[in-house]
Amino acid sequence: MDGLIARYPADLAVIDLEKVACWRYFLRHPEWRLQFYGPTAAVFARGDGAAEQAQSAAELLSLKAAGTALAAFDFAMAAGDVSMAWQLLGQLETRLSALADAERLQRARDYRAAHLALADGALDRARVLLERLQATGVVADRDMLILAVLREMVRAPAGAHGARIDLLRRRLGSLLPPPPPRE
């Protein structure tokens, strides 16, 4: 991507949500900021004029295609817009359920289950689910940090308490997004 951007300099990029590697690049790149995203694309801007908080399109709340909703779910989670992600999952489980790819829908449900387990303090279950989701390649960077902390907690010696465990619990708490709604 760096070569492409060097060859074709721009201050604005419109990225198809089906191009996961491409939008991940822009989400992670320090010079680019997400400005807006909708059902099929995200808009990124380079430089100081970037938005503090990206806006999502109202059209995301009334999608007609399950594939579009699944792609938007993946993007919303990766971009940290967890509220929108849970709303998209709600659509996928109701009026779009018959149209959704069963495997991708189950992955989104497992994602929610992992975050519910985190909210409930069921850290072993959350770790197992996040490890399974990691193999799919579509998880938020924040979730990879959460998984790293959970793995570190498992490696802590049995009965270990004190400063190390307290630090890991605080780090975990700082990473957690708002929990999803209950099913």
C-alpha atoms as a PDB file:
ATOM      1  CA  MET A   1       0.000   0.000   0.000  1.00  0.00           C
ATOM      2  CA  ASP A   2       2.803   2.420   0.806  1.00  0.00           C
ATOM      3  CA  GLY A   3       4.082   2.116  -2.773  1.00  0.00           C
ATOM      4  CA  LEU A   4       0.648   2.776  -4.213  1.00  0.00           C
ATOM      5  CA  ILE A   5       0.174   5.858  -2.056  1.00  0.00           C
ATOM      6  CA  ALA A   6       3.658   7.126  -2.954  1.00  0.00           C
ATOM      7  CA  ARG A   7       2.922   6.620  -6.664  1.00  0.00           C
ATOM      8  CA  TYR A   8      -0.546   8.217  -6.471  1.00  0.00           C
ATOM      9  CA  PRO A   9      -0.413  10.809  -3.684  1.00  0.00           C
ATOM     10  CA  ALA A  10      -3.768  11.824  -2.277  1.00  0.00           C
ATOM     11  CA  ASP A  11      -5.274  13.292   0.850  1.00  0.00           C
ATOM     12  CA  LEU A  12      -8.533  11.358   0.606  1.00  0.00           C
ATOM     13  CA  ALA A  13      -9.178   7.645   0.085  1.00  0.00           C
ATOM     14  CA  VAL A  14     -12.456   5.805  -0.448  1.00  0.00           C
ATOM     15  CA  ILE A  15     -12.041   2.130   0.424  1.00  0.00           C
ATOM     16  CA  ASP A  16     -14.448  -0.706  -0.344  1.00  0.00           C
ATOM     17  CA  LEU A  17     -15.397  -2.557   2.873  1.00  0.00           C
ATOM     18  CA  GLU A  18     -14.837  -5.884   1.088  1.00  0.00           C
ATOM     19  CA  LYS A  19     -11.113  -4.972   0.798  1.00  0.00           C
ATOM     20  CA  VAL A  20     -10.202  -5.934   4.366  1.00  0.00           C
ATOM     21  CA  ALA A  21      -6.417  -5.682   4.003  1.00  0.00           C
ATOM     22  CA  CYS A  22      -6.766  -2.250   2.435  1.00  0.00           C
ATOM     23  CA  TRP A  23      -9.047  -0.724   5.089  1.00  0.00           C
ATOM     24  CA  ARG A  24      -6.932  -2.314   7.834  1.00  0.00           C
ATOM     25  CA  TYR A  25      -3.912  -0.519   6.394  1.00  0.00           C
ATOM     26  CA  PHE A  26      -5.700   2.836   6.555  1.00  0.00           C
ATOM     27  CA  LEU A  27      -7.104   2.202  10.059  1.00  0.00           C
ATOM     28  CA  ARG A  28      -3.594   1.428  11.323  1.00  0.00           C
ATOM     29  CA  HIS A  29      -1.661   4.106   9.461  1.00  0.00           C
ATOM     30  CA  PRO A  30      -0.864   7.106  11.689  1.00  0.00           C
ATOM     31  CA  GLU A  31      -1.235   9.626   8.852  1.00  0.00           C
ATOM     32  CA  TRP A  32      -4.780   8.569   7.931  1.00  0.00           C
ATOM     33  CA  ARG A  33      -7.987   9.077   9.909  1.00  0.00           C
ATOM     34  CA  LEU A  34     -11.359   7.542   9.310  1.00  0.00           C
ATOM     35  CA  GLN A  35     -13.876  10.268   8.455  1.00  0.00           C
ATOM     36  CA  PHE A  36     -16.997   8.382   7.498  1.00  0.00           C
ATOM     37  CA  TYR A  37     -18.229   4.935   6.588  1.00  0.00           C
ATOM     38  CA  GLY A  38     -21.387   3.562   5.127  1.00  0.00           C
ATOM     39  CA  PRO A  39     -22.754   0.247   3.926  1.00  0.00           C
ATOM     40  CA  THR A  40     -20.080  -0.403   1.305  1.00  0.00           C
ATOM     41  CA  ALA A  41     -17.126   1.954   1.784  1.00  0.00           C
ATOM     42  CA  ALA A  42     -15.067   4.003   4.212  1.00  0.00           C
ATOM     43  CA  VAL A  43     -13.576   7.458   3.656  1.00  0.00           C
ATOM     44  CA  PHE A  44     -10.157   8.246   5.104  1.00  0.00           C
ATOM     45  CA  ALA A  45      -8.393  11.624   5.135  1.00  0.00           C
ATOM     46  CA  ARG A  46      -4.721  12.344   5.543  1.00  0.00           C
ATOM     47  CA  GLY A  47      -3.356  15.044   7.774  1.00  0.00           C
ATOM     48  CA  ASP A  48      -4.515  17.412  10.485  1.00  0.00           C
ATOM     49  CA  GLY A  49      -8.023  17.934   9.136  1.00  0.00           C
ATOM     50  CA  ALA A  50      -9.087  14.473  10.247  1.00  0.00           C
ATOM     51  CA  ALA A  51     -12.284  14.070  12.246  1.00  0.00           C
ATOM     52  CA  GLU A  52     -12.142  13.416  15.979  1.00  0.00           C
ATOM     53  CA  GLN A  53     -14.904  10.816  15.710  1.00  0.00           C
ATOM     54  CA  ALA A  54     -15.845   9.179  12.446  1.00  0.00           C
ATOM     55  CA  GLN A  55     -19.455   9.270  11.386  1.00  0.00           C
ATOM     56  CA  SER A  56     -21.376   6.241  10.217  1.00  0.00           C
ATOM     57  CA  ALA A  57     -24.175   6.399   7.690  1.00  0.00           C
ATOM     58  CA  ALA A  58     -27.772   6.158   8.841  1.00  0.00           C
ATOM     59  CA  GLU A  59     -28.267   3.680   5.987  1.00  0.00           C
ATOM     60  CA  LEU A  60     -26.399   1.115   8.096  1.00  0.00           C
ATOM     61  CA  LEU A  61     -29.502   0.819  10.257  1.00  0.00           C
ATOM     62  CA  SER A  62     -31.678  -0.475   7.421  1.00  0.00           C
ATOM     63  CA  LEU A  63     -29.569  -2.710   5.213  1.00  0.00           C
ATOM     64  CA  LYS A  64     -31.129  -5.064   2.703  1.00  0.00           C
ATOM     65  CA  ALA A  65     -28.150  -7.323   1.938  1.00  0.00           C
ATOM     66  CA  ALA A  66     -26.691  -9.666   4.537  1.00  0.00           C
ATOM     67  CA  GLY A  67     -23.255  -9.666   2.896  1.00  0.00           C
ATOM     68  CA  THR A  68     -23.132  -5.892   3.156  1.00  0.00           C
ATOM     69  CA  ALA A  69     -24.175  -6.069   6.814  1.00  0.00           C
ATOM     70  CA  LEU A  70     -21.482  -8.657   7.581  1.00  0.00           C
ATOM     71  CA  ALA A  71     -18.766  -6.566   5.903  1.00  0.00           C
ATOM     72  CA  ALA A  72     -19.984  -3.477   7.765  1.00  0.00           C
ATOM     73  CA  PHE A  73     -20.001  -5.458  11.050  1.00  0.00           C
ATOM     74  CA  ASP A  74     -16.358  -6.466  10.562  1.00  0.00           C
ATOM     75  CA  PHE A  75     -15.395  -2.896   9.732  1.00  0.00           C
ATOM     76  CA  ALA A  76     -17.356  -1.362  12.617  1.00  0.00           C
ATOM     77  CA  MET A  77     -15.673  -3.695  15.115  1.00  0.00           C
ATOM     78  CA  ALA A  78     -12.211  -3.005  13.714  1.00  0.00           C
ATOM     79  CA  ALA A  79     -12.877   0.756  13.688  1.00  0.00           C
ATOM     80  CA  GLY A  80     -14.057   0.672  17.304  1.00  0.00           C
ATOM     81  CA  ASP A  81     -17.686   1.546  16.560  1.00  0.00           C
ATOM     82  CA  VAL A  82     -18.996  -1.266  18.728  1.00  0.00           C
ATOM     83  CA  SER A  83     -22.442   0.239  19.158  1.00  0.00           C
ATOM     84  CA  MET A  84     -23.004   0.155  15.399  1.00  0.00           C
ATOM     85  CA  ALA A  85     -21.526  -3.337  15.182  1.00  0.00           C
ATOM     86  CA  TRP A  86     -24.064  -4.675  17.670  1.00  0.00           C
ATOM     87  CA  GLN A  87     -26.890  -2.948  15.771  1.00  0.00           C
ATOM     88  CA  LEU A  88     -25.689  -4.556  12.551  1.00  0.00           C
ATOM     89  CA  LEU A  89     -25.592  -7.958  14.244  1.00  0.00           C
ATOM     90  CA  GLY A  90     -29.156  -7.357  15.420  1.00  0.00           C
ATOM     91  CA  GLN A  91     -30.247  -6.888  11.806  1.00  0.00           C
ATOM     92  CA  LEU A  92     -28.357 -10.016  10.778  1.00  0.00           C
ATOM     93  CA  GLU A  93     -30.107 -12.076  13.431  1.00  0.00           C
ATOM     94  CA  THR A  94     -33.576 -10.836  12.573  1.00  0.00           C
ATOM     95  CA  ARG A  95     -34.698  -9.681   9.158  1.00  0.00           C
ATOM     96  CA  LEU A  96     -31.443 -10.607   7.345  1.00  0.00           C
ATOM     97  CA  SER A  97     -30.879 -14.003   8.983  1.00  0.00           C
ATOM     98  CA  ALA A  98     -32.231 -16.065   6.082  1.00  0.00           C
ATOM     99  CA  LEU A  99     -29.871 -14.258   3.692  1.00  0.00           C
ATOM    100  CA  ALA A 100     -26.698 -14.394   5.799  1.00  0.00           C
ATOM    101  CA  ASP A 101     -23.794 -16.731   5.212  1.00  0.00           C
ATOM    102  CA  ALA A 102     -24.104 -19.120   8.160  1.00  0.00           C
ATOM    103  CA  GLU A 103     -20.375 -19.296   8.879  1.00  0.00           C
ATOM    104  CA  ARG A 104     -19.863 -15.529   8.851  1.00  0.00           C
ATOM    105  CA  LEU A 105     -22.985 -14.991  10.967  1.00  0.00           C
ATOM    106  CA  GLN A 106     -21.731 -17.543  13.507  1.00  0.00           C
ATOM    107  CA  ARG A 107     -18.394 -15.745  13.616  1.00  0.00           C
ATOM    108  CA  ALA A 108     -20.195 -12.477  14.435  1.00  0.00           C
ATOM    109  CA  ARG A 109     -22.202 -14.268  17.135  1.00  0.00           C
ATOM    110  CA  ASP A 110     -19.004 -15.751  18.573  1.00  0.00           C
ATOM    111  CA  TYR A 111     -17.542 -12.261  18.597  1.00  0.00           C
ATOM    112  CA  ARG A 112     -20.488 -11.048  20.653  1.00  0.00           C
ATOM    113  CA  ALA A 113     -20.197 -14.107  22.931  1.00  0.00           C
ATOM    114  CA  ALA A 114     -16.523 -13.300  23.527  1.00  0.00           C
ATOM    115  CA  HIS A 115     -17.378  -9.739  24.536  1.00  0.00           C
ATOM    116  CA  LEU A 116     -20.242 -10.902  26.753  1.00  0.00           C
ATOM    117  CA  ALA A 117     -17.839 -13.342  28.423  1.00  0.00           C
ATOM    118  CA  LEU A 118     -15.398 -10.490  29.018  1.00  0.00           C
ATOM    119  CA  ALA A 119     -18.175  -8.355  30.516  1.00  0.00           C
ATOM    120  CA  ASP A 120     -19.200 -11.257  32.769  1.00  0.00           C
ATOM    121  CA  GLY A 121     -15.626 -11.941  33.884  1.00  0.00           C
ATOM    122  CA  ALA A 122     -15.589 -15.369  32.165  1.00  0.00           C
ATOM    123  CA  LEU A 123     -12.048 -14.750  30.991  1.00  0.00           C
ATOM    124  CA  ASP A 124     -11.202 -18.344  30.016  1.00  0.00           C
ATOM    125  CA  ARG A 125     -14.263 -18.541  27.768  1.00  0.00           C
ATOM    126  CA  ALA A 126     -13.452 -15.138  26.255  1.00  0.00           C
ATOM    127  CA  ARG A 127      -9.877 -16.247  25.574  1.00  0.00           C
ATOM    128  CA  VAL A 128     -10.982 -19.460  23.845  1.00  0.00           C
ATOM    129  CA  LEU A 129     -13.484 -17.590  21.669  1.00  0.00           C
ATOM    130  CA  LEU A 130     -10.995 -14.852  20.752  1.00  0.00           C
ATOM    131  CA  GLU A 131      -8.379 -17.463  19.866  1.00  0.00           C
ATOM    132  CA  ARG A 132     -10.856 -19.172  17.554  1.00  0.00           C
ATOM    133  CA  LEU A 133     -11.808 -15.813  16.010  1.00  0.00           C
ATOM    134  CA  GLN A 134      -8.156 -14.879  15.548  1.00  0.00           C
ATOM    135  CA  ALA A 135      -7.834 -17.754  13.091  1.00  0.00           C
ATOM    136  CA  THR A 136     -10.473 -16.102  10.865  1.00  0.00           C
ATOM    137  CA  GLY A 137      -8.277 -13.044  10.393  1.00  0.00           C
ATOM    138  CA  VAL A 138     -11.054 -10.531  11.008  1.00  0.00           C
ATOM    139  CA  VAL A 139     -10.781  -9.220  14.551  1.00  0.00           C
ATOM    140  CA  ALA A 140     -10.058  -5.757  15.846  1.00  0.00           C
ATOM    141  CA  ASP A 141      -6.518  -4.840  16.833  1.00  0.00           C
ATOM    142  CA  ARG A 142      -7.919  -4.063  20.290  1.00  0.00           C
ATOM    143  CA  ASP A 143      -9.125  -7.662  20.530  1.00  0.00           C
ATOM    144  CA  MET A 144      -5.623  -8.904  19.781  1.00  0.00           C
ATOM    145  CA  LEU A 145      -4.370  -6.811  22.707  1.00  0.00           C
ATOM    146  CA  ILE A 146      -7.140  -8.215  24.908  1.00  0.00           C
ATOM    147  CA  LEU A 147      -6.148 -11.723  23.845  1.00  0.00           C
ATOM    148  CA  ALA A 148      -2.494 -11.028  24.644  1.00  0.00           C
ATOM    149  CA  VAL A 149      -3.451  -9.873  28.163  1.00  0.00           C
ATOM    150  CA  LEU A 150      -5.699 -12.926  28.660  1.00  0.00           C
ATOM    151  CA  ARG A 151      -2.858 -15.225  27.570  1.00  0.00           C
ATOM    152  CA  GLU A 152      -0.479 -13.459  29.944  1.00  0.00           C
ATOM    153  CA  MET A 153      -2.974 -13.980  32.778  1.00  0.00           C
ATOM    154  CA  VAL A 154      -3.052 -17.709  31.990  1.00  0.00           C
ATOM    155  CA  ARG A 155       0.757 -17.843  32.101  1.00  0.00           C
ATOM    156  CA  ALA A 156       0.825 -16.220  35.539  1.00  0.00           C
ATOM    157  CA  PRO A 157       1.795 -18.752  38.205  1.00  0.00           C
ATOM    158  CA  ALA A 158      -1.088 -20.508  39.933  1.00  0.00           C
ATOM    159  CA  GLY A 159      -2.228 -18.515  42.911  1.00  0.00           C
ATOM    160  CA  ALA A 160      -0.273 -15.488  41.742  1.00  0.00           C
ATOM    161  CA  HIS A 161      -1.759 -12.323  43.077  1.00  0.00           C
ATOM    162  CA  GLY A 162      -0.437  -8.961  43.792  1.00  0.00           C
ATOM    163  CA  ALA A 163       0.987  -6.308  41.568  1.00  0.00           C
ATOM    164  CA  ARG A 164       1.399  -8.380  38.373  1.00  0.00           C
ATOM    165  CA  ILE A 165      -2.176  -9.717  38.292  1.00  0.00           C
ATOM    166  CA  ASP A 166      -3.553  -6.329  39.349  1.00  0.00           C
ATOM    167  CA  LEU A 167      -1.649  -4.697  36.483  1.00  0.00           C
ATOM    168  CA  LEU A 168      -2.995  -7.255  33.987  1.00  0.00           C
ATOM    169  CA  ARG A 169      -6.567  -6.782  35.232  1.00  0.00           C
ATOM    170  CA  ARG A 170      -6.252  -2.985  34.952  1.00  0.00           C
ATOM    171  CA  ARG A 171      -4.781  -3.305  31.456  1.00  0.00           C
ATOM    172  CA  LEU A 172      -7.622  -5.625  30.461  1.00  0.00           C
ATOM    173  CA  GLY A 173     -10.213  -3.211  31.884  1.00  0.00           C
ATOM    174  CA  SER A 174      -8.736  -0.314  29.919  1.00  0.00           C
ATOM    175  CA  LEU A 175      -9.069  -2.252  26.667  1.00  0.00           C
ATOM    176  CA  LEU A 176     -12.674  -3.389  26.990  1.00  0.00           C
ATOM    177  CA  PRO A 177     -15.290  -1.663  24.844  1.00  0.00           C
ATOM    178  CA  PRO A 178     -18.860  -1.255  26.111  1.00  0.00           C
ATOM    179  CA  PRO A 179     -20.446  -4.708  26.327  1.00  0.00           C
ATOM    180  CA  PRO A 180     -22.902  -5.875  23.688  1.00  0.00           C
ATOM    181  CA  PRO A 181     -26.593  -6.052  24.465  1.00  0.00           C
ATOM    182  CA  ARG A 182     -27.837  -9.367  25.797  1.00  0.00           C
ATOM    183  CA  GLU A 183     -29.513 -11.639  23.274  1.00  0.00           C
END
